[in-house]
Amino acid sequence: MPKMIHTVRGLVPVDELGTTLMHEHILQANWSMRMSFKDWFDYDSFIEWASEDVKRTREIGVETLVEQTPVCLGRDIHAIRDVAERTGMQIIASTGFFYSENQWMFGRSEDNFVKWLMKDIEEGIQDTDIKPGLIKCGTDTPGVTDLNRTLLRAHAKASKVSGLPIATHSWYKNRSGISQMEIFEKEGLNPRKVLIGHCGDTNDLSYLEELLRMGCWIGLDRFGDDAKNPLEERVNTLAELCDRGWIGQLMISHDYVSFVDLGTFEWETKRRQDPDDAKYNSRYIHRYVLPMLRERGFGDREIHQLMRGNPRAYFAED
């Protein structure tokens, strides 16, 4: 019996995930603002826009998106499901709490956080029968604070109970990927079920190899975000890691969001744009990265491993 994974449209055999982008987002729109101001965000027009965006990604050859939006970043399972149904894209949803230290989090125990994570995992997300295929957590510029340590431990416990893999948001400048792995190791997690995200923002090979030696996967997952690390540098780092024998622990993706209300982004501006007006979208790897890799001698076998084999192995791990 093949191992199955939850997508927003039901269970799918892991062997049928196909070409997979491991770190993407459909929507990040703050629920407090959505509830307080009706013109903050228009759901129906967003679904039209995002469906066209994701449809183009499916047409370029992507079969599965892993939607890594946790609870407190504006996760909306209805939007994820509606886009999946309109496009036929296999989308894997996430549970989890981000690194942000929201007021409601203070004073809660690890077990209390586990309780709410398990509610998503066992009962379904947002009063639906849709279950997550992934647990998402994070550590950012503040590093591992007391609250962040509690959150990381709680996510590790939920992973052990449920069997779901973990993916993280990390910040290389404070080496938080190492800190995360040290906590996960103490909690007894299988490192093959851990994906440390945003490692592609740095070209520090010593840091990346230190992580890889811990046995986890690393996400080179912001291809297209040249402000954090230019394309040429990202490709150089990927190619060098592969030359050093690490291809079996690498995931490539974009961390692209069809719409996010972070900073100055306004829905009224976004809705008037075409999904390909910006070069940075979830087609970027196929359009720009894979041709560069082929020029460097990557063949079908290596590209298949990065885009299909590695995601399948991650989700298939017991």
C-alpha atoms as a PDB file:
ATOM      1  CA  MET A   1       0.000   0.000   0.000  1.00  0.00           C
ATOM      2  CA  PRO A   2       1.622   3.302  -1.063  1.00  0.00           C
ATOM      3  CA  LYS A   3       1.976   6.039   1.517  1.00  0.00           C
ATOM      4  CA  MET A   4      -0.755   8.665   1.192  1.00  0.00           C
ATOM      5  CA  ILE A   5      -0.649  12.399   1.869  1.00  0.00           C
ATOM      6  CA  HIS A   6      -3.428  14.867   2.516  1.00  0.00           C
ATOM      7  CA  THR A   7      -4.054  17.520  -0.128  1.00  0.00           C
ATOM      8  CA  VAL A   8      -6.884  20.026   0.050  1.00  0.00           C
ATOM      9  CA  ARG A   9      -8.851  17.869  -2.395  1.00  0.00           C
ATOM     10  CA  GLY A  10      -8.241  14.580  -0.614  1.00  0.00           C
ATOM     11  CA  LEU A  11      -5.638  11.899  -0.111  1.00  0.00           C
ATOM     12  CA  VAL A  12      -3.037  11.358  -2.831  1.00  0.00           C
ATOM     13  CA  PRO A  13      -0.332   8.658  -3.061  1.00  0.00           C
ATOM     14  CA  VAL A  14       3.064  10.196  -2.396  1.00  0.00           C
ATOM     15  CA  ASP A  15       4.287   8.569  -5.616  1.00  0.00           C
ATOM     16  CA  GLU A  16       1.797  10.721  -7.558  1.00  0.00           C
ATOM     17  CA  LEU A  17       2.964  14.129  -6.336  1.00  0.00           C
ATOM     18  CA  GLY A  18       4.957  14.655  -9.530  1.00  0.00           C
ATOM     19  CA  THR A  19       6.855  17.892 -10.050  1.00  0.00           C
ATOM     20  CA  THR A  20       6.562  19.669  -6.712  1.00  0.00           C
ATOM     21  CA  LEU A  21       7.313  23.150  -5.426  1.00  0.00           C
ATOM     22  CA  MET A  22       7.962  22.652  -1.726  1.00  0.00           C
ATOM     23  CA  HIS A  23       7.588  26.195  -0.375  1.00  0.00           C
ATOM     24  CA  GLU A  24       4.881  28.378  -1.869  1.00  0.00           C
ATOM     25  CA  HIS A  25       1.848  30.379  -0.712  1.00  0.00           C
ATOM     26  CA  ILE A  26      -1.548  31.171  -2.184  1.00  0.00           C
ATOM     27  CA  LEU A  27      -2.675  33.903   0.189  1.00  0.00           C
ATOM     28  CA  GLN A  28      -1.421  35.786   3.232  1.00  0.00           C
ATOM     29  CA  ALA A  29      -4.034  38.361   4.257  1.00  0.00           C
ATOM     30  CA  ASN A  30      -4.426  39.382   7.881  1.00  0.00           C
ATOM     31  CA  TRP A  31      -7.681  38.131   9.376  1.00  0.00           C
ATOM     32  CA  SER A  32      -8.060  41.042  11.795  1.00  0.00           C
ATOM     33  CA  MET A  33      -7.866  43.549   8.930  1.00  0.00           C
ATOM     34  CA  ARG A  34     -10.152  41.444   6.735  1.00  0.00           C
ATOM     35  CA  MET A  35     -12.755  41.305   9.495  1.00  0.00           C
ATOM     36  CA  SER A  36     -12.437  44.985  10.424  1.00  0.00           C
ATOM     37  CA  PHE A  37     -12.364  46.591   6.961  1.00  0.00           C
ATOM     38  CA  LYS A  38     -14.495  45.053   4.226  1.00  0.00           C
ATOM     39  CA  ASP A  39     -12.498  46.782   1.484  1.00  0.00           C
ATOM     40  CA  TRP A  40      -9.131  45.476   2.777  1.00  0.00           C
ATOM     41  CA  PHE A  41      -9.409  42.430   0.531  1.00  0.00           C
ATOM     42  CA  ASP A  42     -11.952  41.101  -1.976  1.00  0.00           C
ATOM     43  CA  TYR A  43     -12.191  37.321  -1.787  1.00  0.00           C
ATOM     44  CA  ASP A  44     -14.028  36.621  -5.041  1.00  0.00           C
ATOM     45  CA  SER A  45     -11.775  38.732  -7.238  1.00  0.00           C
ATOM     46  CA  PHE A  46      -8.721  37.275  -5.521  1.00  0.00           C
ATOM     47  CA  ILE A  47      -9.841  33.725  -6.316  1.00  0.00           C
ATOM     48  CA  GLU A  48     -10.167  34.670  -9.988  1.00  0.00           C
ATOM     49  CA  TRP A  49      -6.682  36.215 -10.001  1.00  0.00           C
ATOM     50  CA  ALA A  50      -4.969  33.470  -8.011  1.00  0.00           C
ATOM     51  CA  SER A  51      -6.595  30.710 -10.063  1.00  0.00           C
ATOM     52  CA  GLU A  52      -5.164  32.206 -13.239  1.00  0.00           C
ATOM     53  CA  ASP A  53      -1.777  32.527 -11.529  1.00  0.00           C
ATOM     54  CA  VAL A  54      -1.727  28.898 -10.364  1.00  0.00           C
ATOM     55  CA  LYS A  55      -3.194  27.619 -13.642  1.00  0.00           C
ATOM     56  CA  ARG A  56      -0.198  29.042 -15.504  1.00  0.00           C
ATOM     57  CA  THR A  57       2.122  27.284 -13.062  1.00  0.00           C
ATOM     58  CA  ARG A  58       0.344  23.993 -13.656  1.00  0.00           C
ATOM     59  CA  GLU A  59       0.569  24.502 -17.424  1.00  0.00           C
ATOM     60  CA  ILE A  60       4.348  24.946 -17.177  1.00  0.00           C
ATOM     61  CA  GLY A  61       4.647  21.486 -15.633  1.00  0.00           C
ATOM     62  CA  VAL A  62       4.144  21.791 -11.858  1.00  0.00           C
ATOM     63  CA  GLU A  63       1.754  19.204 -10.415  1.00  0.00           C
ATOM     64  CA  THR A  64       1.924  19.924  -6.663  1.00  0.00           C
ATOM     65  CA  LEU A  65       2.297  23.057  -4.562  1.00  0.00           C
ATOM     66  CA  VAL A  66       3.122  22.830  -0.870  1.00  0.00           C
ATOM     67  CA  GLU A  67       1.315  25.775   0.717  1.00  0.00           C
ATOM     68  CA  GLN A  68       3.374  26.719   3.768  1.00  0.00           C
ATOM     69  CA  THR A  69       1.175  29.413   5.312  1.00  0.00           C
ATOM     70  CA  PRO A  70       0.765  28.785   9.054  1.00  0.00           C
ATOM     71  CA  VAL A  71      -2.213  29.814  11.170  1.00  0.00           C
ATOM     72  CA  CYS A  72      -1.057  33.285  12.213  1.00  0.00           C
ATOM     73  CA  LEU A  73       0.070  34.492   8.768  1.00  0.00           C
ATOM     74  CA  GLY A  74      -3.460  34.716   7.395  1.00  0.00           C
ATOM     75  CA  ARG A  75      -3.948  31.108   6.319  1.00  0.00           C
ATOM     76  CA  ASP A  76      -7.302  30.670   4.546  1.00  0.00           C
ATOM     77  CA  ILE A  77      -8.081  27.051   3.743  1.00  0.00           C
ATOM     78  CA  HIS A  78     -11.146  28.037   1.723  1.00  0.00           C
ATOM     79  CA  ALA A  79      -9.018  30.104  -0.658  1.00  0.00           C
ATOM     80  CA  ILE A  80      -6.489  27.290  -0.995  1.00  0.00           C
ATOM     81  CA  ARG A  81      -9.228  24.763  -1.715  1.00  0.00           C
ATOM     82  CA  ASP A  82     -11.051  27.016  -4.182  1.00  0.00           C
ATOM     83  CA  VAL A  83      -7.866  27.619  -6.184  1.00  0.00           C
ATOM     84  CA  ALA A  84      -7.066  23.905  -6.180  1.00  0.00           C
ATOM     85  CA  GLU A  85     -10.522  23.007  -7.412  1.00  0.00           C
ATOM     86  CA  ARG A  86     -10.445  25.587 -10.194  1.00  0.00           C
ATOM     87  CA  THR A  87      -6.986  24.677 -11.441  1.00  0.00           C
ATOM     88  CA  GLY A  88      -6.569  20.957 -10.735  1.00  0.00           C
ATOM     89  CA  MET A  89      -3.330  21.706  -8.885  1.00  0.00           C
ATOM     90  CA  GLN A  90      -2.533  19.336  -6.019  1.00  0.00           C
ATOM     91  CA  ILE A  91      -2.033  21.624  -3.016  1.00  0.00           C
ATOM     92  CA  ILE A  92      -0.778  20.439   0.363  1.00  0.00           C
ATOM     93  CA  ALA A  93      -1.827  22.689   3.259  1.00  0.00           C
ATOM     94  CA  SER A  94       0.002  23.321   6.534  1.00  0.00           C
ATOM     95  CA  THR A  95      -0.739  23.710  10.197  1.00  0.00           C
ATOM     96  CA  GLY A  96       1.543  25.505  12.617  1.00  0.00           C
ATOM     97  CA  PHE A  97       2.294  28.820  14.280  1.00  0.00           C
ATOM     98  CA  PHE A  98       4.828  31.343  12.985  1.00  0.00           C
ATOM     99  CA  TYR A  99       7.677  32.881  14.961  1.00  0.00           C
ATOM    100  CA  SER A 100       5.707  36.105  15.622  1.00  0.00           C
ATOM    101  CA  GLU A 101       5.102  36.621  19.333  1.00  0.00           C
ATOM    102  CA  ASN A 102       1.415  37.458  19.269  1.00  0.00           C
ATOM    103  CA  GLN A 103      -0.272  38.510  22.500  1.00  0.00           C
ATOM    104  CA  TRP A 104      -2.401  35.377  22.802  1.00  0.00           C
ATOM    105  CA  MET A 105       0.704  33.172  22.783  1.00  0.00           C
ATOM    106  CA  PHE A 106       2.279  34.391  26.011  1.00  0.00           C
ATOM    107  CA  GLY A 107       1.920  32.131  29.024  1.00  0.00           C
ATOM    108  CA  ARG A 108       0.762  29.098  27.042  1.00  0.00           C
ATOM    109  CA  SER A 109       2.384  25.734  27.596  1.00  0.00           C
ATOM    110  CA  GLU A 110       3.856  23.440  24.980  1.00  0.00           C
ATOM    111  CA  ASP A 111       0.943  21.074  25.502  1.00  0.00           C
ATOM    112  CA  ASN A 112      -1.573  23.839  24.852  1.00  0.00           C
ATOM    113  CA  PHE A 113       0.014  24.644  21.510  1.00  0.00           C
ATOM    114  CA  VAL A 114       0.106  20.916  20.709  1.00  0.00           C
ATOM    115  CA  LYS A 115      -3.627  20.702  21.468  1.00  0.00           C
ATOM    116  CA  TRP A 116      -4.473  23.244  18.770  1.00  0.00           C
ATOM    117  CA  LEU A 117      -2.050  21.777  16.248  1.00  0.00           C
ATOM    118  CA  MET A 118      -3.589  18.352  16.738  1.00  0.00           C
ATOM    119  CA  LYS A 119      -7.081  19.783  16.275  1.00  0.00           C
ATOM    120  CA  ASP A 120      -6.072  20.805  12.738  1.00  0.00           C
ATOM    121  CA  ILE A 121      -4.339  17.486  12.139  1.00  0.00           C
ATOM    122  CA  GLU A 122      -7.043  15.184  13.500  1.00  0.00           C
ATOM    123  CA  GLU A 123     -10.294  17.088  12.879  1.00  0.00           C
ATOM    124  CA  GLY A 124      -9.563  19.361   9.927  1.00  0.00           C
ATOM    125  CA  ILE A 125      -8.711  23.007   9.280  1.00  0.00           C
ATOM    126  CA  GLN A 126     -11.189  25.850   9.856  1.00  0.00           C
ATOM    127  CA  ASP A 127     -14.166  23.539  10.432  1.00  0.00           C
ATOM    128  CA  THR A 128     -13.577  21.674   7.159  1.00  0.00           C
ATOM    129  CA  ASP A 129     -12.527  18.066   6.621  1.00  0.00           C
ATOM    130  CA  ILE A 130      -9.286  19.268   5.004  1.00  0.00           C
ATOM    131  CA  LYS A 131      -6.243  18.053   6.899  1.00  0.00           C
ATOM    132  CA  PRO A 132      -2.678  19.350   6.687  1.00  0.00           C
ATOM    133  CA  GLY A 133       0.179  17.395   5.171  1.00  0.00           C
ATOM    134  CA  LEU A 134       2.846  19.497   6.868  1.00  0.00           C
ATOM    135  CA  ILE A 135       3.683  21.304  10.123  1.00  0.00           C
ATOM    136  CA  LYS A 136       5.193  24.789   9.700  1.00  0.00           C
ATOM    137  CA  CYS A 137       7.109  26.751  12.310  1.00  0.00           C
ATOM    138  CA  GLY A 138       9.749  29.460  12.286  1.00  0.00           C
ATOM    139  CA  THR A 139      12.564  31.408  13.892  1.00  0.00           C
ATOM    140  CA  ASP A 140      13.604  34.838  12.623  1.00  0.00           C
ATOM    141  CA  THR A 141      15.747  37.837  13.569  1.00  0.00           C
ATOM    142  CA  PRO A 142      15.039  37.671  17.352  1.00  0.00           C
ATOM    143  CA  GLY A 143      16.484  34.159  17.418  1.00  0.00           C
ATOM    144  CA  VAL A 144      15.301  31.440  19.767  1.00  0.00           C
ATOM    145  CA  THR A 145      13.498  33.387  22.483  1.00  0.00           C
ATOM    146  CA  ASP A 146      11.808  31.623  25.377  1.00  0.00           C
ATOM    147  CA  LEU A 147       8.485  31.687  23.536  1.00  0.00           C
ATOM    148  CA  ASN A 148      10.063  30.548  20.285  1.00  0.00           C
ATOM    149  CA  ARG A 149      11.682  27.610  22.076  1.00  0.00           C
ATOM    150  CA  THR A 150       8.276  26.635  23.460  1.00  0.00           C
ATOM    151  CA  LEU A 151       6.761  26.839  19.975  1.00  0.00           C
ATOM    152  CA  LEU A 152       9.519  24.771  18.365  1.00  0.00           C
ATOM    153  CA  ARG A 153       9.197  22.072  21.013  1.00  0.00           C
ATOM    154  CA  ALA A 154       5.419  22.020  20.614  1.00  0.00           C
ATOM    155  CA  HIS A 155       5.694  21.613  16.848  1.00  0.00           C
ATOM    156  CA  ALA A 156       8.207  18.800  17.329  1.00  0.00           C
ATOM    157  CA  LYS A 157       5.836  17.032  19.713  1.00  0.00           C
ATOM    158  CA  ALA A 158       2.960  17.363  17.248  1.00  0.00           C
ATOM    159  CA  SER A 159       5.187  15.942  14.525  1.00  0.00           C
ATOM    160  CA  LYS A 160       6.080  12.927  16.660  1.00  0.00           C
ATOM    161  CA  VAL A 161       2.442  12.256  17.570  1.00  0.00           C
ATOM    162  CA  SER A 162       1.039  12.747  14.068  1.00  0.00           C
ATOM    163  CA  GLY A 163       3.911  11.555  11.887  1.00  0.00           C
ATOM    164  CA  LEU A 164       3.712  14.733   9.801  1.00  0.00           C
ATOM    165  CA  PRO A 165       6.986  16.286   8.622  1.00  0.00           C
ATOM    166  CA  ILE A 166       8.132  19.740   9.707  1.00  0.00           C
ATOM    167  CA  ALA A 167       9.201  22.682   7.558  1.00  0.00           C
ATOM    168  CA  THR A 168      10.631  25.875   8.990  1.00  0.00           C
ATOM    169  CA  HIS A 169      11.248  29.520   8.338  1.00  0.00           C
ATOM    170  CA  SER A 170      14.808  30.390   9.407  1.00  0.00           C
ATOM    171  CA  TRP A 171      17.284  33.283   9.236  1.00  0.00           C
ATOM    172  CA  TYR A 172      20.833  32.413   8.320  1.00  0.00           C
ATOM    173  CA  LYS A 173      22.443  35.479   9.924  1.00  0.00           C
ATOM    174  CA  ASN A 174      21.771  34.149  13.412  1.00  0.00           C
ATOM    175  CA  ARG A 175      22.221  30.522  12.334  1.00  0.00           C
ATOM    176  CA  SER A 176      18.712  29.762  13.503  1.00  0.00           C
ATOM    177  CA  GLY A 177      18.541  26.666  11.312  1.00  0.00           C
ATOM    178  CA  ILE A 178      21.186  25.093  13.562  1.00  0.00           C
ATOM    179  CA  SER A 179      19.274  26.179  16.675  1.00  0.00           C
ATOM    180  CA  GLN A 180      16.091  24.654  15.292  1.00  0.00           C
ATOM    181  CA  MET A 181      17.783  21.355  14.520  1.00  0.00           C
ATOM    182  CA  GLU A 182      19.343  21.201  17.989  1.00  0.00           C
ATOM    183  CA  ILE A 183      15.882  21.498  19.532  1.00  0.00           C
ATOM    184  CA  PHE A 184      14.386  18.958  17.138  1.00  0.00           C
ATOM    185  CA  GLU A 185      17.222  16.527  17.883  1.00  0.00           C
ATOM    186  CA  LYS A 186      16.564  16.824  21.631  1.00  0.00           C
ATOM    187  CA  GLU A 187      12.896  16.061  20.938  1.00  0.00           C
ATOM    188  CA  GLY A 188      13.914  12.926  19.054  1.00  0.00           C
ATOM    189  CA  LEU A 189      12.748  13.921  15.574  1.00  0.00           C
ATOM    190  CA  ASN A 190      13.979  12.029  12.535  1.00  0.00           C
ATOM    191  CA  PRO A 191      16.043  14.672  10.665  1.00  0.00           C
ATOM    192  CA  ARG A 192      14.789  13.264   7.342  1.00  0.00           C
ATOM    193  CA  LYS A 193      11.389  14.626   8.319  1.00  0.00           C
ATOM    194  CA  VAL A 194      12.711  18.181   8.800  1.00  0.00           C
ATOM    195  CA  LEU A 195      13.102  20.820   6.090  1.00  0.00           C
ATOM    196  CA  ILE A 196      14.972  23.960   7.195  1.00  0.00           C
ATOM    197  CA  GLY A 197      13.714  26.795   5.029  1.00  0.00           C
ATOM    198  CA  HIS A 198      15.254  29.888   3.446  1.00  0.00           C
ATOM    199  CA  CYS A 199      18.765  28.485   3.336  1.00  0.00           C
ATOM    200  CA  GLY A 200      19.162  29.793  -0.205  1.00  0.00           C
ATOM    201  CA  ASP A 201      19.417  33.371   1.058  1.00  0.00           C
ATOM    202  CA  THR A 202      23.056  32.716   1.971  1.00  0.00           C
ATOM    203  CA  ASN A 203      26.078  31.456   0.054  1.00  0.00           C
ATOM    204  CA  ASP A 204      27.891  30.470   3.251  1.00  0.00           C
ATOM    205  CA  LEU A 205      28.697  26.875   2.378  1.00  0.00           C
ATOM    206  CA  SER A 206      30.164  26.126   5.795  1.00  0.00           C
ATOM    207  CA  TYR A 207      26.837  26.982   7.447  1.00  0.00           C
ATOM    208  CA  LEU A 208      24.833  25.040   4.877  1.00  0.00           C
ATOM    209  CA  GLU A 209      27.032  21.966   5.126  1.00  0.00           C
ATOM    210  CA  GLU A 210      26.873  22.081   8.928  1.00  0.00           C
ATOM    211  CA  LEU A 211      23.106  21.869   8.598  1.00  0.00           C
ATOM    212  CA  LEU A 212      23.253  19.134   5.983  1.00  0.00           C
ATOM    213  CA  ARG A 213      25.546  17.046   8.169  1.00  0.00           C
ATOM    214  CA  MET A 214      22.769  17.092  10.778  1.00  0.00           C
ATOM    215  CA  GLY A 215      20.770  14.998   8.313  1.00  0.00           C
ATOM    216  CA  CYS A 216      17.933  17.399   7.502  1.00  0.00           C
ATOM    217  CA  TRP A 217      16.720  18.781   4.203  1.00  0.00           C
ATOM    218  CA  ILE A 218      17.467  22.414   3.381  1.00  0.00           C
ATOM    219  CA  GLY A 219      15.271  24.707   1.330  1.00  0.00           C
ATOM    220  CA  LEU A 220      16.866  26.781  -1.415  1.00  0.00           C
ATOM    221  CA  ASP A 221      13.405  28.204  -1.691  1.00  0.00           C
ATOM    222  CA  ARG A 222      13.458  31.866  -2.640  1.00  0.00           C
ATOM    223  CA  PHE A 223      14.498  31.633  -6.266  1.00  0.00           C
ATOM    224  CA  GLY A 224      13.337  34.865  -7.848  1.00  0.00           C
ATOM    225  CA  ASP A 225      13.880  37.017  -4.770  1.00  0.00           C
ATOM    226  CA  ASP A 226      17.002  38.737  -6.064  1.00  0.00           C
ATOM    227  CA  ALA A 227      16.935  41.342  -3.294  1.00  0.00           C
ATOM    228  CA  LYS A 228      17.882  38.684  -0.748  1.00  0.00           C
ATOM    229  CA  ASN A 229      20.353  36.830  -2.982  1.00  0.00           C
ATOM    230  CA  PRO A 230      20.875  37.302  -6.743  1.00  0.00           C
ATOM    231  CA  LEU A 231      19.987  34.506  -9.154  1.00  0.00           C
ATOM    232  CA  GLU A 232      23.577  33.830 -10.246  1.00  0.00           C
ATOM    233  CA  GLU A 233      24.702  33.424  -6.641  1.00  0.00           C
ATOM    234  CA  ARG A 234      21.775  31.172  -5.786  1.00  0.00           C
ATOM    235  CA  VAL A 235      22.530  28.925  -8.757  1.00  0.00           C
ATOM    236  CA  ASN A 236      26.247  28.871  -7.937  1.00  0.00           C
ATOM    237  CA  THR A 237      25.500  27.728  -4.394  1.00  0.00           C
ATOM    238  CA  LEU A 238      23.042  25.076  -5.553  1.00  0.00           C
ATOM    239  CA  ALA A 239      25.498  23.736  -8.122  1.00  0.00           C
ATOM    240  CA  GLU A 240      28.377  23.681  -5.627  1.00  0.00           C
ATOM    241  CA  LEU A 241      26.314  21.793  -3.053  1.00  0.00           C
ATOM    242  CA  CYS A 242      25.386  19.260  -5.712  1.00  0.00           C
ATOM    243  CA  ASP A 243      29.046  18.917  -6.731  1.00  0.00           C
ATOM    244  CA  ARG A 244      29.856  18.191  -3.081  1.00  0.00           C
ATOM    245  CA  GLY A 245      27.338  15.355  -3.021  1.00  0.00           C
ATOM    246  CA  TRP A 246      24.384  16.965  -1.246  1.00  0.00           C
ATOM    247  CA  ILE A 247      21.770  16.824  -4.015  1.00  0.00           C
ATOM    248  CA  GLY A 248      19.787  14.236  -2.032  1.00  0.00           C
ATOM    249  CA  GLN A 249      19.003  16.775   0.727  1.00  0.00           C
ATOM    250  CA  LEU A 250      18.072  19.856  -1.311  1.00  0.00           C
ATOM    251  CA  MET A 251      14.669  21.363  -2.122  1.00  0.00           C
ATOM    252  CA  ILE A 252      14.209  24.211  -4.586  1.00  0.00           C
ATOM    253  CA  SER A 253      11.218  26.522  -4.622  1.00  0.00           C
ATOM    254  CA  HIS A 254      10.194  30.219  -4.618  1.00  0.00           C
ATOM    255  CA  ASP A 255       8.371  31.252  -1.407  1.00  0.00           C
ATOM    256  CA  TYR A 256       6.088  33.121  -3.810  1.00  0.00           C
ATOM    257  CA  VAL A 257       2.657  34.372  -2.702  1.00  0.00           C
ATOM    258  CA  SER A 258      -0.153  35.088  -5.148  1.00  0.00           C
ATOM    259  CA  PHE A 259      -1.114  37.907  -2.786  1.00  0.00           C
ATOM    260  CA  VAL A 260       0.355  39.060   0.520  1.00  0.00           C
ATOM    261  CA  ASP A 261      -0.693  42.209   2.385  1.00  0.00           C
ATOM    262  CA  LEU A 262       2.722  42.621   4.008  1.00  0.00           C
ATOM    263  CA  GLY A 263       4.198  46.111   3.844  1.00  0.00           C
ATOM    264  CA  THR A 264       2.868  48.398   1.131  1.00  0.00           C
ATOM    265  CA  PHE A 265       1.151  45.746  -1.002  1.00  0.00           C
ATOM    266  CA  GLU A 266      -2.504  46.613  -1.613  1.00  0.00           C
ATOM    267  CA  TRP A 267      -5.057  44.305  -3.194  1.00  0.00           C
ATOM    268  CA  GLU A 268      -6.516  47.131  -5.275  1.00  0.00           C
ATOM    269  CA  THR A 269      -3.109  47.546  -6.944  1.00  0.00           C
ATOM    270  CA  LYS A 270      -2.408  43.845  -7.315  1.00  0.00           C
ATOM    271  CA  ARG A 271      -5.762  43.005  -8.889  1.00  0.00           C
ATOM    272  CA  ARG A 272      -5.045  45.280 -11.864  1.00  0.00           C
ATOM    273  CA  GLN A 273      -1.818  43.428 -12.715  1.00  0.00           C
ATOM    274  CA  ASP A 274      -1.322  40.346 -14.841  1.00  0.00           C
ATOM    275  CA  PRO A 275       0.173  37.347 -12.973  1.00  0.00           C
ATOM    276  CA  ASP A 276       3.226  37.555 -15.236  1.00  0.00           C
ATOM    277  CA  ASP A 277       3.779  41.308 -14.941  1.00  0.00           C
ATOM    278  CA  ALA A 278       6.367  40.506 -12.298  1.00  0.00           C
ATOM    279  CA  LYS A 279       9.274  38.219 -13.188  1.00  0.00           C
ATOM    280  CA  TYR A 280       9.149  36.688  -9.701  1.00  0.00           C
ATOM    281  CA  ASN A 281       6.378  34.107  -9.576  1.00  0.00           C
ATOM    282  CA  SER A 282       6.018  30.339  -9.270  1.00  0.00           C
ATOM    283  CA  ARG A 283       7.121  29.851 -12.908  1.00  0.00           C
ATOM    284  CA  TYR A 284      10.528  31.386 -12.258  1.00  0.00           C
ATOM    285  CA  ILE A 285      12.424  28.134 -11.663  1.00  0.00           C
ATOM    286  CA  HIS A 286      11.153  26.593 -14.878  1.00  0.00           C
ATOM    287  CA  ARG A 287      11.793  29.745 -16.911  1.00  0.00           C
ATOM    288  CA  TYR A 288      15.163  30.820 -15.564  1.00  0.00           C
ATOM    289  CA  VAL A 289      16.755  28.391 -13.098  1.00  0.00           C
ATOM    290  CA  LEU A 290      16.409  25.070 -14.925  1.00  0.00           C
ATOM    291  CA  PRO A 291      17.909  26.458 -18.171  1.00  0.00           C
ATOM    292  CA  MET A 292      20.898  27.747 -16.185  1.00  0.00           C
ATOM    293  CA  LEU A 293      21.332  24.383 -14.491  1.00  0.00           C
ATOM    294  CA  ARG A 294      21.222  22.596 -17.840  1.00  0.00           C
ATOM    295  CA  GLU A 295      23.918  24.943 -19.133  1.00  0.00           C
ATOM    296  CA  ARG A 296      26.047  23.830 -16.176  1.00  0.00           C
ATOM    297  CA  GLY A 297      25.636  20.173 -17.088  1.00  0.00           C
ATOM    298  CA  PHE A 298      22.604  19.175 -15.042  1.00  0.00           C
ATOM    299  CA  GLY A 299      20.708  16.458 -16.877  1.00  0.00           C
ATOM    300  CA  ASP A 300      17.191  15.077 -16.630  1.00  0.00           C
ATOM    301  CA  ARG A 301      18.202  12.774 -13.770  1.00  0.00           C
ATOM    302  CA  GLU A 302      19.442  15.590 -11.532  1.00  0.00           C
ATOM    303  CA  ILE A 303      16.508  17.870 -12.310  1.00  0.00           C
ATOM    304  CA  HIS A 304      14.076  15.002 -11.738  1.00  0.00           C
ATOM    305  CA  GLN A 305      15.639  14.420  -8.318  1.00  0.00           C
ATOM    306  CA  LEU A 306      15.381  18.069  -7.294  1.00  0.00           C
ATOM    307  CA  MET A 307      11.839  18.594  -8.551  1.00  0.00           C
ATOM    308  CA  ARG A 308      10.251  15.175  -8.039  1.00  0.00           C
ATOM    309  CA  GLY A 309      12.413  12.667  -6.211  1.00  0.00           C
ATOM    310  CA  ASN A 310      13.392  14.751  -3.186  1.00  0.00           C
ATOM    311  CA  PRO A 311       9.859  15.989  -2.349  1.00  0.00           C
ATOM    312  CA  ARG A 312       8.556  12.442  -2.695  1.00  0.00           C
ATOM    313  CA  ALA A 313      11.275  11.084  -0.384  1.00  0.00           C
ATOM    314  CA  TYR A 314      10.569  13.772   2.225  1.00  0.00           C
ATOM    315  CA  PHE A 315       6.856  12.998   2.394  1.00  0.00           C
ATOM    316  CA  ALA A 316       7.407   9.232   2.192  1.00  0.00           C
ATOM    317  CA  GLU A 317       9.701   9.148   5.248  1.00  0.00           C
ATOM    318  CA  ASP A 318       8.260   7.247   8.224  1.00  0.00           C
END
